[in-house]
Amino acid sequence: MQLSKFSDYSLRVLIYLAGRPSDLSTIDEISERYVISKDHLRKIVHNLVQAGWVNSRRGRGGGLSLAMMPAEISIGAVIRTTEDNLAIVECFNPATNTCQISDVCRLSGMLDEALQAFIGVLDKYSLNDIIASQTALMARLGLPSFQDSRAAP
């Protein structure tokens, strides 16, 4: 199983914004830091705003910031929201399933159990778990260390 770039980049945007809790960031800045297309980031940021994790202020002096505390952003929830297809095998989607053995095969149940376990593990972690006390991560992004999960975004 491989997560989409959309999910990967969504998590990267959230990590970056969490590293700047009292500052606004721009798509240009994030694009430059991660070497990701600005056009692609615009779509990602739009999705993150729609999900309620990111605030976006337009115009002069505008920018992006987290809409909630990093500890409140579940990694599992981000993946469920940003992955458009968690149907890891054809038979997970009854509308498109053409598998001739799906009604008698146990494999789909096993794979579904594994998928639920995967997402369940991610549900145990928040954005704060990624960034807290991660001096090297913050330094790589050119940001100060993030130590206090109670700091307001």
Protein backbone atom coordinates (compact mmCIF):
# COMPACT_ATOMS: atom_id res chain seq x y z
CA MET A 1 0.00 0.00 0.00
CA GLN A 2 1.25 3.45 -0.85
CA LEU A 3 -0.22 6.74 0.24
CA SER A 4 -0.80 9.33 -2.45
CA LYS A 5 1.42 12.37 -2.85
CA PHE A 6 -1.66 14.38 -1.94
CA SER A 7 -1.69 12.81 1.53
CA ASP A 8 2.08 13.06 1.87
CA TYR A 9 2.12 16.74 0.90
CA SER A 10 -0.90 17.46 3.11
CA LEU A 11 1.00 16.12 6.10
CA ARG A 12 4.06 18.15 5.12
CA VAL A 13 1.99 21.35 4.96
CA LEU A 14 0.53 20.63 8.39
CA ILE A 15 3.99 19.91 9.82
CA TYR A 16 5.32 23.17 8.41
CA LEU A 17 2.43 25.22 9.74
CA ALA A 18 2.70 23.55 13.15
CA GLY A 19 6.34 24.61 13.24
CA ARG A 20 5.26 28.25 12.94
CA PRO A 21 2.46 28.51 15.50
CA SER A 22 2.55 32.29 15.83
CA ASP A 23 3.34 33.21 12.21
CA LEU A 24 1.48 33.09 8.93
CA SER A 25 3.04 31.08 6.11
CA THR A 26 2.51 31.34 2.38
CA ILE A 27 2.14 28.75 -0.34
CA ASP A 28 5.24 30.24 -1.98
CA GLU A 29 7.25 29.71 1.20
CA ILE A 30 6.05 26.12 1.68
CA SER A 31 6.59 25.35 -1.99
CA GLU A 32 10.15 26.62 -1.82
CA ARG A 33 10.93 24.77 1.41
CA TYR A 34 9.64 21.39 0.16
CA VAL A 35 10.30 21.90 -3.58
CA ILE A 36 6.67 21.16 -4.42
CA SER A 37 4.62 22.76 -7.21
CA LYS A 38 2.68 25.84 -6.06
CA ASP A 39 -0.31 24.76 -8.14
CA HIS A 40 -0.38 21.38 -6.44
CA LEU A 41 -0.02 23.01 -3.02
CA ARG A 42 -2.96 25.32 -3.72
CA LYS A 43 -5.22 22.29 -4.18
CA ILE A 44 -3.85 20.68 -1.04
CA VAL A 45 -4.25 23.82 1.04
CA HIS A 46 -7.80 24.27 -0.24
CA ASN A 47 -8.59 20.74 0.94
CA LEU A 48 -6.97 21.35 4.34
CA VAL A 49 -8.98 24.56 4.75
CA GLN A 50 -12.21 22.74 3.80
CA ALA A 51 -11.40 20.04 6.39
CA GLY A 52 -11.00 22.71 9.06
CA TRP A 53 -7.33 22.12 9.87
CA VAL A 54 -5.94 25.25 8.21
CA ASN A 55 -6.98 28.90 8.24
CA SER A 56 -6.35 30.94 5.13
CA ARG A 57 -6.29 34.71 5.08
CA ARG A 58 -6.27 36.33 1.64
CA GLY A 59 -4.70 39.56 0.57
CA ARG A 60 -1.80 41.66 1.71
CA GLY A 61 -0.49 40.35 5.01
CA GLY A 62 -2.44 37.14 4.54
CA GLY A 63 -1.27 33.60 4.75
CA LEU A 64 -1.86 30.21 6.26
CA SER A 65 -1.93 28.95 9.83
CA LEU A 66 -3.23 25.95 11.70
CA ALA A 67 -6.88 26.27 12.64
CA MET A 68 -6.45 24.15 15.77
CA MET A 69 -3.80 22.87 18.11
CA PRO A 70 -1.42 20.25 16.65
CA ALA A 71 -2.55 17.79 19.35
CA GLU A 72 -6.10 18.03 17.95
CA ILE A 73 -5.16 16.97 14.41
CA SER A 74 -5.28 13.19 14.11
CA ILE A 75 -2.94 11.68 11.54
CA GLY A 76 -5.53 8.96 10.85
CA ALA A 77 -8.19 11.60 10.16
CA VAL A 78 -5.86 13.40 7.77
CA ILE A 79 -5.20 10.18 5.85
CA ARG A 80 -8.90 9.27 5.70
CA THR A 81 -9.67 12.76 4.37
CA THR A 82 -6.84 13.10 1.88
CA GLU A 83 -6.82 9.60 0.41
CA ASP A 84 -9.49 9.40 -2.24
CA ASN A 85 -9.30 5.63 -2.49
CA LEU A 86 -8.59 3.33 0.42
CA ALA A 87 -10.07 0.44 -1.55
CA ILE A 88 -6.78 -1.41 -1.75
CA VAL A 89 -8.25 -4.23 -3.82
CA GLU A 90 -10.97 -4.20 -6.44
CA CYS A 91 -13.52 -6.08 -4.36
CA PHE A 92 -13.60 -3.31 -1.72
CA ASN A 93 -15.75 -1.27 -4.12
CA PRO A 94 -18.99 -3.10 -4.98
CA ALA A 95 -19.75 -0.64 -7.78
CA THR A 96 -16.64 -1.56 -9.76
CA ASN A 97 -15.95 -5.08 -8.51
CA THR A 98 -15.58 -7.64 -11.31
CA CYS A 99 -13.73 -10.26 -9.26
CA GLN A 100 -15.33 -13.64 -9.88
CA ILE A 101 -14.47 -15.03 -6.44
CA SER A 102 -15.15 -12.05 -4.16
CA ASP A 103 -18.33 -13.51 -2.69
CA VAL A 104 -16.51 -16.61 -1.45
CA CYS A 105 -12.97 -15.29 -0.91
CA ARG A 106 -11.62 -14.51 2.55
CA LEU A 107 -8.81 -12.30 1.30
CA SER A 108 -10.89 -9.11 1.25
CA GLY A 109 -11.76 -9.58 4.92
CA MET A 110 -8.11 -10.02 5.82
CA LEU A 111 -7.09 -6.96 3.81
CA ASP A 112 -9.87 -4.89 5.32
CA GLU A 113 -8.74 -5.92 8.81
CA ALA A 114 -5.17 -4.91 7.93
CA LEU A 115 -6.36 -1.56 6.52
CA GLN A 116 -8.40 -0.86 9.66
CA ALA A 117 -5.36 -1.71 11.82
CA PHE A 118 -3.19 0.64 9.73
CA ILE A 119 -5.63 3.53 10.11
CA GLY A 120 -6.17 2.61 13.77
CA VAL A 121 -2.47 3.01 14.49
CA LEU A 122 -2.44 6.40 12.76
CA ASP A 123 -5.48 7.42 14.86
CA LYS A 124 -3.29 7.06 17.95
CA TYR A 125 -1.03 9.87 16.78
CA SER A 126 -1.52 13.58 16.30
CA LEU A 127 0.39 16.25 14.45
CA ASN A 128 1.89 17.15 17.82
CA ASP A 129 3.50 13.70 18.04
CA ILE A 130 5.35 14.44 14.81
CA ILE A 131 6.67 17.87 15.75
CA ALA A 132 7.11 17.94 19.53
CA SER A 133 10.76 18.01 20.59
CA GLN A 134 11.89 17.45 17.00
CA THR A 135 14.77 19.90 16.90
CA ALA A 136 16.33 18.26 13.82
CA LEU A 137 13.03 18.31 11.90
CA MET A 138 12.39 21.96 12.69
CA ALA A 139 16.00 22.87 11.86
CA ARG A 140 15.71 21.13 8.48
CA LEU A 141 12.66 23.29 7.77
CA GLY A 142 14.45 26.41 9.01
CA LEU A 143 12.02 26.77 11.92
CA PRO A 144 12.54 27.11 15.67
CA SER A 145 12.04 23.99 17.83
CA PHE A 146 8.45 23.37 18.80
CA GLN A 147 8.28 22.31 22.45
CA ASP A 148 4.93 23.38 23.84
CA SER A 149 1.80 21.70 22.46
CA ARG A 150 -0.33 24.19 24.40
CA ALA A 151 0.89 27.22 22.45
CA ALA A 152 -1.89 28.85 20.48
CA PRO A 153 -1.66 28.60 16.68
